[in-house]
């Protein structure tokens, strides 16, 4: 497993701490890993690529 360090806005940390306190996750690490996993699953690279291609097509052709 790798270590990632990042800055997180205080409000997000407070919300995350409340989720842990209320038992939605065992600890902050579990919550962060699950959050990142869900984000990556909902934003697959293929979907991002399609959005870029759609934007380029719209820019070239002006499709609505």
C-alpha atoms as a PDB file:
ATOM      1  CA  UNK A   1       0.000   0.000   0.000  1.00  0.00           C
ATOM      2  CA  UNK A   2       1.213   3.528  -0.760  1.00  0.00           C
ATOM      3  CA  UNK A   3       1.074   6.637   1.380  1.00  0.00           C
ATOM      4  CA  UNK A   4      -0.554   9.756  -0.090  1.00  0.00           C
ATOM      5  CA  UNK A   5      -0.355  13.126   1.639  1.00  0.00           C
ATOM      6  CA  UNK A   6      -2.685  15.935   0.686  1.00  0.00           C
ATOM      7  CA  UNK A   7      -4.345  19.008   2.099  1.00  0.00           C
ATOM      8  CA  UNK A   8      -8.090  18.776   2.654  1.00  0.00           C
ATOM      9  CA  UNK A   9     -10.414  21.697   3.433  1.00  0.00           C
ATOM     10  CA  UNK A  10     -11.386  21.824   7.117  1.00  0.00           C
ATOM     11  CA  UNK A  11     -15.074  21.452   6.328  1.00  0.00           C
ATOM     12  CA  UNK A  12     -14.488  18.157   4.476  1.00  0.00           C
ATOM     13  CA  UNK A  13     -12.358  16.843   7.341  1.00  0.00           C
ATOM     14  CA  UNK A  14     -15.114  17.713   9.817  1.00  0.00           C
ATOM     15  CA  UNK A  15     -17.724  15.935   7.692  1.00  0.00           C
ATOM     16  CA  UNK A  16     -15.471  12.903   7.325  1.00  0.00           C
ATOM     17  CA  UNK A  17     -14.802  12.788  11.052  1.00  0.00           C
ATOM     18  CA  UNK A  18     -18.543  12.811  11.734  1.00  0.00           C
ATOM     19  CA  UNK A  19     -19.035   9.849   9.386  1.00  0.00           C
ATOM     20  CA  UNK A  20     -16.344   7.915  11.234  1.00  0.00           C
ATOM     21  CA  UNK A  21     -17.789   8.919  14.622  1.00  0.00           C
ATOM     22  CA  UNK A  22     -21.229   7.686  13.525  1.00  0.00           C
ATOM     23  CA  UNK A  23     -19.841   4.357  12.366  1.00  0.00           C
ATOM     24  CA  UNK A  24     -20.086   4.792   8.591  1.00  0.00           C
ATOM     25  CA  UNK A  25     -16.389   3.847   8.418  1.00  0.00           C
ATOM     26  CA  UNK A  26     -14.039   2.240  10.929  1.00  0.00           C
ATOM     27  CA  UNK A  27     -11.463   5.008  10.606  1.00  0.00           C
ATOM     28  CA  UNK A  28     -10.398   7.930   8.426  1.00  0.00           C
ATOM     29  CA  UNK A  29      -8.101   5.775   6.283  1.00  0.00           C
ATOM     30  CA  UNK A  30     -10.925   3.385   5.408  1.00  0.00           C
ATOM     31  CA  UNK A  31     -13.187   6.321   4.537  1.00  0.00           C
ATOM     32  CA  UNK A  32     -10.560   7.938   2.292  1.00  0.00           C
ATOM     33  CA  UNK A  33      -9.766   4.697   0.453  1.00  0.00           C
ATOM     34  CA  UNK A  34     -13.471   3.953  -0.109  1.00  0.00           C
ATOM     35  CA  UNK A  35     -14.103   7.522  -1.262  1.00  0.00           C
ATOM     36  CA  UNK A  36     -11.263   7.389  -3.772  1.00  0.00           C
ATOM     37  CA  UNK A  37     -12.380   3.958  -5.016  1.00  0.00           C
ATOM     38  CA  UNK A  38     -15.934   5.203  -5.585  1.00  0.00           C
ATOM     39  CA  UNK A  39     -14.722   8.330  -7.367  1.00  0.00           C
ATOM     40  CA  UNK A  40     -12.492   6.322  -9.704  1.00  0.00           C
ATOM     41  CA  UNK A  41     -15.274   3.828 -10.434  1.00  0.00           C
ATOM     42  CA  UNK A  42     -17.700   6.617 -11.301  1.00  0.00           C
ATOM     43  CA  UNK A  43     -15.172   8.482 -13.488  1.00  0.00           C
ATOM     44  CA  UNK A  44     -13.620   5.839 -15.737  1.00  0.00           C
ATOM     45  CA  UNK A  45     -10.894   7.004 -18.100  1.00  0.00           C
ATOM     46  CA  UNK A  46     -12.927   5.890 -21.110  1.00  0.00           C
ATOM     47  CA  UNK A  47     -15.802   8.158 -20.065  1.00  0.00           C
ATOM     48  CA  UNK A  48     -13.454  11.114 -19.591  1.00  0.00           C
ATOM     49  CA  UNK A  49     -11.996  10.495 -23.040  1.00  0.00           C
ATOM     50  CA  UNK A  50     -15.476  10.405 -24.577  1.00  0.00           C
ATOM     51  CA  UNK A  51     -16.347  13.746 -22.949  1.00  0.00           C
ATOM     52  CA  UNK A  52     -13.234  15.304 -24.488  1.00  0.00           C
ATOM     53  CA  UNK A  53     -14.078  13.877 -27.914  1.00  0.00           C
ATOM     54  CA  UNK A  54     -17.667  15.130 -27.607  1.00  0.00           C
ATOM     55  CA  UNK A  55     -16.403  18.609 -26.692  1.00  0.00           C
ATOM     56  CA  UNK A  56     -14.040  18.653 -29.666  1.00  0.00           C
ATOM     57  CA  UNK A  57     -16.833  17.505 -31.990  1.00  0.00           C
ATOM     58  CA  UNK A  58     -19.143  20.202 -30.639  1.00  0.00           C
ATOM     59  CA  UNK A  59     -16.395  22.815 -31.078  1.00  0.00           C
ATOM     60  CA  UNK A  60     -15.768  21.765 -34.672  1.00  0.00           C
ATOM     61  CA  UNK A  61     -19.368  21.249 -35.755  1.00  0.00           C
ATOM     62  CA  UNK A  62     -21.410  23.286 -33.289  1.00  0.00           C
ATOM     63  CA  UNK A  63     -23.801  20.436 -32.532  1.00  0.00           C
ATOM     64  CA  UNK A  64     -26.389  21.131 -29.832  1.00  0.00           C
END
